Amino acid sequence: MTSADLYIANHIPPPKDEFMTIHVLPSSGMIAEYIPFADFAKEWTVSIETMYAWRRRGKLPEAVKIGRDWYLPGDSTKPETRS
């Protein structure tokens, strides 16, 4: 369990330099780590609007909505883009 997980459990936002993660137990029985779109946008150096556009176009089929926010599995890769 990371310190960000402890912050989530106590409803306190984590420090700005830590990624927030959510651990989900899918039907396969394995724990999957989901990371918010905003964190992937920073990592991939794209805007959050680009992330939402990719989701709408089906380029992020593994995206899940939890509450009002969108998340991707921690091992997701950046979609191919036109050059």
PDB file of N, CA and C in Angstrom:
ATOM      1  N   MET A   1       0.851  -1.170   0.000  1.00  0.00           N
ATOM      2  CA  MET A   1       0.000   0.000   0.000  1.00  0.00           C
ATOM      3  C   MET A   1       0.897   1.234   0.000  1.00  0.00           C
ATOM      4  N   THR A   2       0.631   2.149  -0.928  1.00  0.00           N
ATOM      5  CA  THR A   2       1.435   3.364  -1.023  1.00  0.00           C
ATOM      6  C   THR A   2       0.855   4.441  -0.128  1.00  0.00           C
ATOM      7  N   SER A   3       1.625   5.504   0.041  1.00  0.00           N
ATOM      8  CA  SER A   3       1.120   6.595   0.865  1.00  0.00           C
ATOM      9  C   SER A   3      -0.099   7.245   0.221  1.00  0.00           C
ATOM     10  N   ALA A   4      -0.179   7.237  -1.125  1.00  0.00           N
ATOM     11  CA  ALA A   4      -1.357   7.799  -1.801  1.00  0.00           C
ATOM     12  C   ALA A   4      -2.603   7.006  -1.437  1.00  0.00           C
ATOM     13  N   ASP A   5      -2.478   5.681  -1.310  1.00  0.00           N
ATOM     14  CA  ASP A   5      -3.615   4.855  -0.905  1.00  0.00           C
ATOM     15  C   ASP A   5      -4.096   5.248   0.484  1.00  0.00           C
ATOM     16  N   LEU A   6      -3.175   5.549   1.380  1.00  0.00           N
ATOM     17  CA  LEU A   6      -3.553   5.949   2.730  1.00  0.00           C
ATOM     18  C   LEU A   6      -4.280   7.286   2.708  1.00  0.00           C
ATOM     19  N   TYR A   7      -3.838   8.190   1.850  1.00  0.00           N
ATOM     20  CA  TYR A   7      -4.524   9.473   1.730  1.00  0.00           C
ATOM     21  C   TYR A   7      -5.950   9.273   1.246  1.00  0.00           C
ATOM     22  N   ILE A   8      -6.132   8.385   0.254  1.00  0.00           N
ATOM     23  CA  ILE A   8      -7.471   8.112  -0.269  1.00  0.00           C
ATOM     24  C   ILE A   8      -8.354   7.549   0.841  1.00  0.00           C
ATOM     25  N   ALA A   9      -7.816   6.621   1.629  1.00  0.00           N
ATOM     26  CA  ALA A   9      -8.588   5.992   2.699  1.00  0.00           C
ATOM     27  C   ALA A   9      -9.037   7.016   3.732  1.00  0.00           C
ATOM     28  N   ASN A  10      -8.240   8.043   3.941  1.00  0.00           N
ATOM     29  CA  ASN A  10      -8.564   9.064   4.937  1.00  0.00           C
ATOM     30  C   ASN A  10      -9.206  10.308   4.321  1.00  0.00           C
ATOM     31  N   HIS A  11      -9.533  10.260   3.019  1.00  0.00           N
ATOM     32  CA  HIS A  11     -10.177  11.370   2.313  1.00  0.00           C
ATOM     33  C   HIS A  11      -9.347  12.649   2.345  1.00  0.00           C
ATOM     34  N   ILE A  12      -8.033  12.492   2.323  1.00  0.00           N
ATOM     35  CA  ILE A  12      -7.126  13.629   2.276  1.00  0.00           C
ATOM     36  C   ILE A  12      -6.395  13.552   0.939  1.00  0.00           C
ATOM     37  N   PRO A  13      -6.339  14.640   0.176  1.00  0.00           N
ATOM     38  CA  PRO A  13      -5.639  14.567  -1.110  1.00  0.00           C
ATOM     39  C   PRO A  13      -4.157  14.283  -0.916  1.00  0.00           C
ATOM     40  N   PRO A  14      -3.560  13.478  -1.794  1.00  0.00           N
ATOM     41  CA  PRO A  14      -2.129  13.179  -1.671  1.00  0.00           C
ATOM     42  C   PRO A  14      -1.284  14.375  -2.086  1.00  0.00           C
ATOM     43  N   PRO A  15      -0.008  14.360  -1.758  1.00  0.00           N
ATOM     44  CA  PRO A  15       0.884  15.429  -2.212  1.00  0.00           C
ATOM     45  C   PRO A  15       0.880  15.501  -3.733  1.00  0.00           C
ATOM     46  N   LYS A  16       1.146  16.668  -4.283  1.00  0.00           N
ATOM     47  CA  LYS A  16       1.078  16.887  -5.734  1.00  0.00           C
ATOM     48  C   LYS A  16       2.059  16.015  -6.514  1.00  0.00           C
ATOM     49  N   ASP A  17       3.158  15.573  -5.902  1.00  0.00           N
ATOM     50  CA  ASP A  17       4.156  14.810  -6.631  1.00  0.00           C
ATOM     51  C   ASP A  17       3.876  13.308  -6.648  1.00  0.00           C
ATOM     52  N   GLU A  18       2.771  12.857  -6.061  1.00  0.00           N
ATOM     53  CA  GLU A  18       2.437  11.435  -6.045  1.00  0.00           C
ATOM     54  C   GLU A  18       1.241  11.158  -6.937  1.00  0.00           C
ATOM     55  N   PHE A  19       1.305  10.050  -7.683  1.00  0.00           N
ATOM     56  CA  PHE A  19       0.169   9.616  -8.477  1.00  0.00           C
ATOM     57  C   PHE A  19      -0.873   9.003  -7.557  1.00  0.00           C
ATOM     58  N   MET A  20      -2.139   9.297  -7.813  1.00  0.00           N
ATOM     59  CA  MET A  20      -3.213   8.635  -7.082  1.00  0.00           C
ATOM     60  C   MET A  20      -3.535   7.345  -7.815  1.00  0.00           C
ATOM     61  N   THR A  21      -3.699   6.268  -7.113  1.00  0.00           N
ATOM     62  CA  THR A  21      -4.053   5.005  -7.739  1.00  0.00           C
ATOM     63  C   THR A  21      -5.246   4.391  -7.034  1.00  0.00           C
ATOM     64  N   ILE A  22      -5.972   3.594  -7.783  1.00  0.00           N
ATOM     65  CA  ILE A  22      -7.082   2.837  -7.232  1.00  0.00           C
ATOM     66  C   ILE A  22      -6.803   1.377  -7.534  1.00  0.00           C
ATOM     67  N   HIS A  23      -6.932   0.536  -6.535  1.00  0.00           N
ATOM     68  CA  HIS A  23      -6.717  -0.893  -6.728  1.00  0.00           C
ATOM     69  C   HIS A  23      -8.074  -1.572  -6.821  1.00  0.00           C
ATOM     70  N   VAL A  24      -8.270  -2.297  -7.912  1.00  0.00           N
ATOM     71  CA  VAL A  24      -9.551  -2.945  -8.179  1.00  0.00           C
ATOM     72  C   VAL A  24      -9.320  -4.443  -8.291  1.00  0.00           C
ATOM     73  N   LEU A  25     -10.231  -5.213  -7.744  1.00  0.00           N
ATOM     74  CA  LEU A  25     -10.148  -6.667  -7.836  1.00  0.00           C
ATOM     75  C   LEU A  25     -11.140  -7.135  -8.902  1.00  0.00           C
ATOM     76  N   PRO A  26     -10.672  -7.301 -10.160  1.00  0.00           N
ATOM     77  CA  PRO A  26     -11.581  -7.740 -11.214  1.00  0.00           C
ATOM     78  C   PRO A  26     -11.983  -9.191 -11.044  1.00  0.00           C
ATOM     79  N   SER A  27     -12.885  -9.657 -11.892  1.00  0.00           N
ATOM     80  CA  SER A  27     -13.396 -11.020 -11.776  1.00  0.00           C
ATOM     81  C   SER A  27     -12.306 -12.067 -11.933  1.00  0.00           C
ATOM     82  N   SER A  28     -11.163 -11.710 -12.516  1.00  0.00           N
ATOM     83  CA  SER A  28     -10.075 -12.670 -12.687  1.00  0.00           C
ATOM     84  C   SER A  28      -9.387 -12.997 -11.365  1.00  0.00           C
ATOM     85  N   GLY A  29      -9.649 -12.192 -10.338  1.00  0.00           N
ATOM     86  CA  GLY A  29      -9.043 -12.455  -9.043  1.00  0.00           C
ATOM     87  C   GLY A  29      -7.717 -11.750  -8.826  1.00  0.00           C
ATOM     88  N   MET A  30      -7.227 -11.028  -9.839  1.00  0.00           N
ATOM     89  CA  MET A  30      -5.967 -10.313  -9.702  1.00  0.00           C
ATOM     90  C   MET A  30      -6.262  -8.837  -9.390  1.00  0.00           C
ATOM     91  N   ILE A  31      -5.405  -8.220  -8.631  1.00  0.00           N
ATOM     92  CA  ILE A  31      -5.582  -6.806  -8.322  1.00  0.00           C
ATOM     93  C   ILE A  31      -5.014  -5.984  -9.469  1.00  0.00           C
ATOM     94  N   ALA A  32      -5.814  -5.052  -9.972  1.00  0.00           N
ATOM     95  CA  ALA A  32      -5.379  -4.158 -11.042  1.00  0.00           C
ATOM     96  C   ALA A  32      -5.238  -2.753 -10.483  1.00  0.00           C
ATOM     97  N   GLU A  33      -4.221  -2.055 -10.922  1.00  0.00           N
ATOM     98  CA  GLU A  33      -3.991  -0.687 -10.479  1.00  0.00           C
ATOM     99  C   GLU A  33      -4.514   0.257 -11.551  1.00  0.00           C
ATOM    100  N   TYR A  34      -5.403   1.162 -11.199  1.00  0.00           N
ATOM    101  CA  TYR A  34      -5.963   2.136 -12.134  1.00  0.00           C
ATOM    102  C   TYR A  34      -5.477   3.527 -11.757  1.00  0.00           C
ATOM    103  N   ILE A  35      -5.058   4.283 -12.768  1.00  0.00           N
ATOM    104  CA  ILE A  35      -4.487   5.611 -12.567  1.00  0.00           C
ATOM    105  C   ILE A  35      -5.361   6.629 -13.292  1.00  0.00           C
ATOM    106  N   PRO A  36      -5.612   7.793 -12.698  1.00  0.00           N
ATOM    107  CA  PRO A  36      -6.473   8.798 -13.324  1.00  0.00           C
ATOM    108  C   PRO A  36      -5.932   9.301 -14.667  1.00  0.00           C
ATOM    109  N   PHE A  37      -6.856   9.694 -15.537  1.00  0.00           N
ATOM    110  CA  PHE A  37      -6.498  10.259 -16.844  1.00  0.00           C
ATOM    111  C   PHE A  37      -5.493  11.396 -16.685  1.00  0.00           C
ATOM    112  N   ALA A  38      -5.693  12.260 -15.690  1.00  0.00           N
ATOM    113  CA  ALA A  38      -4.822  13.434 -15.522  1.00  0.00           C
ATOM    114  C   ALA A  38      -3.369  13.026 -15.334  1.00  0.00           C
ATOM    115  N   ASP A  39      -3.131  11.944 -14.612  1.00  0.00           N
ATOM    116  CA  ASP A  39      -1.763  11.491 -14.386  1.00  0.00           C
ATOM    117  C   ASP A  39      -1.147  10.937 -15.672  1.00  0.00           C
ATOM    118  N   PHE A  40      -1.943  10.190 -16.448  1.00  0.00           N
ATOM    119  CA  PHE A  40      -1.445   9.703 -17.735  1.00  0.00           C
ATOM    120  C   PHE A  40      -1.201  10.870 -18.688  1.00  0.00           C
ATOM    121  N   ALA A  41      -2.056  11.882 -18.670  1.00  0.00           N
ATOM    122  CA  ALA A  41      -1.879  13.048 -19.544  1.00  0.00           C
ATOM    123  C   ALA A  41      -0.524  13.716 -19.261  1.00  0.00           C
ATOM    124  N   LYS A  42      -0.175  13.853 -17.988  1.00  0.00           N
ATOM    125  CA  LYS A  42       1.126  14.438 -17.635  1.00  0.00           C
ATOM    126  C   LYS A  42       2.262  13.551 -18.129  1.00  0.00           C
ATOM    127  N   GLU A  43       2.132  12.240 -17.890  1.00  0.00           N
ATOM    128  CA  GLU A  43       3.181  11.303 -18.276  1.00  0.00           C
ATOM    129  C   GLU A  43       3.378  11.262 -19.785  1.00  0.00           C
ATOM    130  N   TRP A  44       2.278  11.310 -20.535  1.00  0.00           N
ATOM    131  CA  TRP A  44       2.336  11.232 -22.005  1.00  0.00           C
ATOM    132  C   TRP A  44       2.462  12.601 -22.653  1.00  0.00           C
ATOM    133  N   THR A  45       2.532  13.655 -21.884  1.00  0.00           N
ATOM    134  CA  THR A  45       2.618  15.052 -22.337  1.00  0.00           C
ATOM    135  C   THR A  45       1.538  15.396 -23.373  1.00  0.00           C
ATOM    136  N   VAL A  46       0.292  15.128 -22.996  1.00  0.00           N
ATOM    137  CA  VAL A  46      -0.870  15.521 -23.789  1.00  0.00           C
ATOM    138  C   VAL A  46      -1.854  16.207 -22.837  1.00  0.00           C
ATOM    139  N   SER A  47      -2.827  16.904 -23.416  1.00  0.00           N
ATOM    140  CA  SER A  47      -3.820  17.572 -22.576  1.00  0.00           C
ATOM    141  C   SER A  47      -4.876  16.568 -22.115  1.00  0.00           C
ATOM    142  N   ILE A  48      -5.574  16.923 -21.064  1.00  0.00           N
ATOM    143  CA  ILE A  48      -6.662  16.067 -20.566  1.00  0.00           C
ATOM    144  C   ILE A  48      -7.765  15.979 -21.620  1.00  0.00           C
ATOM    145  N   GLU A  49      -7.952  17.051 -22.400  1.00  0.00           N
ATOM    146  CA  GLU A  49      -8.953  17.030 -23.469  1.00  0.00           C
ATOM    147  C   GLU A  49      -8.604  15.990 -24.517  1.00  0.00           C
ATOM    148  N   THR A  50      -7.315  15.824 -24.802  1.00  0.00           N
ATOM    149  CA  THR A  50      -6.869  14.785 -25.739  1.00  0.00           C
ATOM    150  C   THR A  50      -7.201  13.403 -25.193  1.00  0.00           C
ATOM    151  N   MET A  51      -7.005  13.216 -23.897  1.00  0.00           N
ATOM    152  CA  MET A  51      -7.331  11.927 -23.279  1.00  0.00           C
ATOM    153  C   MET A  51      -8.814  11.600 -23.460  1.00  0.00           C
ATOM    154  N   TYR A  52      -9.690  12.601 -23.214  1.00  0.00           N
ATOM    155  CA  TYR A  52     -11.128  12.378 -23.375  1.00  0.00           C
ATOM    156  C   TYR A  52     -11.484  12.120 -24.836  1.00  0.00           C
ATOM    157  N   ALA A  53     -10.825  12.819 -25.757  1.00  0.00           N
ATOM    158  CA  ALA A  53     -11.080  12.599 -27.189  1.00  0.00           C
ATOM    159  C   ALA A  53     -10.668  11.179 -27.589  1.00  0.00           C
ATOM    160  N   TRP A  54      -9.515  10.715 -27.104  1.00  0.00           N
ATOM    161  CA  TRP A  54      -9.077   9.342 -27.404  1.00  0.00           C
ATOM    162  C   TRP A  54     -10.086   8.330 -26.869  1.00  0.00           C
ATOM    163  N   ARG A  55     -10.628   8.597 -25.679  1.00  0.00           N
ATOM    164  CA  ARG A  55     -11.617   7.678 -25.120  1.00  0.00           C
ATOM    165  C   ARG A  55     -12.861   7.643 -25.992  1.00  0.00           C
ATOM    166  N   ARG A  56     -13.358   8.817 -26.404  1.00  0.00           N
ATOM    167  CA  ARG A  56     -14.558   8.870 -27.244  1.00  0.00           C
ATOM    168  C   ARG A  56     -14.347   8.177 -28.587  1.00  0.00           C
ATOM    169  N   ARG A  57     -13.125   8.257 -29.122  1.00  0.00           N
ATOM    170  CA  ARG A  57     -12.815   7.632 -30.422  1.00  0.00           C
ATOM    171  C   ARG A  57     -12.473   6.152 -30.301  1.00  0.00           C
ATOM    172  N   GLY A  58     -12.467   5.627 -29.082  1.00  0.00           N
ATOM    173  CA  GLY A  58     -12.193   4.204 -28.892  1.00  0.00           C
ATOM    174  C   GLY A  58     -10.725   3.846 -28.838  1.00  0.00           C
ATOM    175  N   LYS A  59      -9.859   4.829 -28.696  1.00  0.00           N
ATOM    176  CA  LYS A  59      -8.416   4.550 -28.629  1.00  0.00           C
ATOM    177  C   LYS A  59      -7.970   4.101 -27.244  1.00  0.00           C
ATOM    178  N   LEU A  60      -8.849   4.223 -26.255  1.00  0.00           N
ATOM    179  CA  LEU A  60      -8.547   3.784 -24.888  1.00  0.00           C
ATOM    180  C   LEU A  60      -9.654   2.838 -24.420  1.00  0.00           C
ATOM    181  N   PRO A  61      -9.754   1.650 -25.042  1.00  0.00           N
ATOM    182  CA  PRO A  61     -10.865   0.750 -24.715  1.00  0.00           C
ATOM    183  C   PRO A  61     -10.836   0.227 -23.285  1.00  0.00           C
ATOM    184  N   GLU A  62      -9.677   0.271 -22.640  1.00  0.00           N
ATOM    185  CA  GLU A  62      -9.561  -0.238 -21.278  1.00  0.00           C
ATOM    186  C   GLU A  62      -9.930   0.802 -20.231  1.00  0.00           C
ATOM    187  N   ALA A  63     -10.315   2.019 -20.660  1.00  0.00           N
ATOM    188  CA  ALA A  63     -10.682   3.092 -19.726  1.00  0.00           C
ATOM    189  C   ALA A  63     -11.957   2.720 -18.975  1.00  0.00           C
ATOM    190  N   VAL A  64     -11.974   3.060 -17.690  1.00  0.00           N
ATOM    191  CA  VAL A  64     -13.156   2.821 -16.867  1.00  0.00           C
ATOM    192  C   VAL A  64     -13.521   4.100 -16.134  1.00  0.00           C
ATOM    193  N   LYS A  65     -14.805   4.304 -15.940  1.00  0.00           N
ATOM    194  CA  LYS A  65     -15.276   5.464 -15.206  1.00  0.00           C
ATOM    195  C   LYS A  65     -15.639   5.021 -13.798  1.00  0.00           C
ATOM    196  N   ILE A  66     -15.040   5.656 -12.825  1.00  0.00           N
ATOM    197  CA  ILE A  66     -15.330   5.375 -11.428  1.00  0.00           C
ATOM    198  C   ILE A  66     -15.795   6.701 -10.829  1.00  0.00           C
ATOM    199  N   GLY A  67     -17.066   6.759 -10.469  1.00  0.00           N
ATOM    200  CA  GLY A  67     -17.638   8.025 -10.026  1.00  0.00           C
ATOM    201  C   GLY A  67     -17.726   8.968 -11.200  1.00  0.00           C
ATOM    202  N   ARG A  68     -17.105  10.118 -11.091  1.00  0.00           N
ATOM    203  CA  ARG A  68     -17.130  11.079 -12.201  1.00  0.00           C
ATOM    204  C   ARG A  68     -15.810  11.118 -12.958  1.00  0.00           C
ATOM    205  N   ASP A  69     -14.823  10.360 -12.521  1.00  0.00           N
ATOM    206  CA  ASP A  69     -13.486  10.397 -13.108  1.00  0.00           C
ATOM    207  C   ASP A  69     -13.202   9.160 -13.952  1.00  0.00           C
ATOM    208  N   TRP A  70     -12.313   9.325 -14.933  1.00  0.00           N
ATOM    209  CA  TRP A  70     -11.897   8.236 -15.808  1.00  0.00           C
ATOM    210  C   TRP A  70     -10.507   7.757 -15.410  1.00  0.00           C
ATOM    211  N   TYR A  71     -10.308   6.435 -15.505  1.00  0.00           N
ATOM    212  CA  TYR A  71      -9.051   5.808 -15.111  1.00  0.00           C
ATOM    213  C   TYR A  71      -8.600   4.826 -16.180  1.00  0.00           C
ATOM    214  N   LEU A  72      -7.278   4.566 -16.199  1.00  0.00           N
ATOM    215  CA  LEU A  72      -6.684   3.557 -17.072  1.00  0.00           C
ATOM    216  C   LEU A  72      -5.872   2.597 -16.216  1.00  0.00           C
ATOM    217  N   PRO A  73      -5.768   1.336 -16.644  1.00  0.00           N
ATOM    218  CA  PRO A  73      -4.879   0.419 -15.925  1.00  0.00           C
ATOM    219  C   PRO A  73      -3.448   0.959 -15.935  1.00  0.00           C
ATOM    220  N   GLY A  74      -2.711   0.684 -14.899  1.00  0.00           N
ATOM    221  CA  GLY A  74      -1.358   1.204 -14.767  1.00  0.00           C
ATOM    222  C   GLY A  74      -0.406   0.803 -15.865  1.00  0.00           C
ATOM    223  N   ASP A  75      -0.680  -0.303 -16.563  1.00  0.00           N
ATOM    224  CA  ASP A  75       0.219  -0.761 -17.632  1.00  0.00           C
ATOM    225  C   ASP A  75      -0.231  -0.318 -19.022  1.00  0.00           C
ATOM    226  N   SER A  76      -1.132   0.666 -19.109  1.00  0.00           N
ATOM    227  CA  SER A  76      -1.618   1.147 -20.406  1.00  0.00           C
ATOM    228  C   SER A  76      -0.513   1.828 -21.194  1.00  0.00           C
ATOM    229  N   THR A  77      -0.608   1.750 -22.520  1.00  0.00           N
ATOM    230  CA  THR A  77       0.352   2.406 -23.391  1.00  0.00           C
ATOM    231  C   THR A  77      -0.322   3.512 -24.176  1.00  0.00           C
ATOM    232  N   LYS A  78       0.466   4.500 -24.558  1.00  0.00           N
ATOM    233  CA  LYS A  78      -0.047   5.655 -25.291  1.00  0.00           C
ATOM    234  C   LYS A  78      -0.518   5.208 -26.677  1.00  0.00           C
ATOM    235  N   PRO A  79      -1.731   5.641 -27.089  1.00  0.00           N
ATOM    236  CA  PRO A  79      -2.225   5.272 -28.409  1.00  0.00           C
ATOM    237  C   PRO A  79      -1.376   5.869 -29.529  1.00  0.00           C
ATOM    238  N   GLU A  80      -1.411   5.202 -30.678  1.00  0.00           N
ATOM    239  CA  GLU A  80      -0.710   5.724 -31.860  1.00  0.00           C
ATOM    240  C   GLU A  80      -1.408   6.984 -32.329  1.00  0.00           C
ATOM    241  N   THR A  81      -0.638   7.975 -32.746  1.00  0.00           N
ATOM    242  CA  THR A  81      -1.201   9.215 -33.250  1.00  0.00           C
ATOM    243  C   THR A  81      -0.661   9.501 -34.638  1.00  0.00           C
ATOM    244  N   ARG A  82      -1.392  10.333 -35.372  1.00  0.00           N
ATOM    245  CA  ARG A  82      -0.918  10.736 -36.702  1.00  0.00           C
ATOM    246  C   ARG A  82       0.253  11.684 -36.541  1.00  0.00           C
ATOM    247  N   SER A  83       1.183  11.607 -37.460  1.00  0.00           N
ATOM    248  CA  SER A  83       2.360  12.509 -37.403  1.00  0.00           C
ATOM    249  C   SER A  83       2.214  13.648 -38.370  1.00  0.00           C
TER     250      SER A  83
END
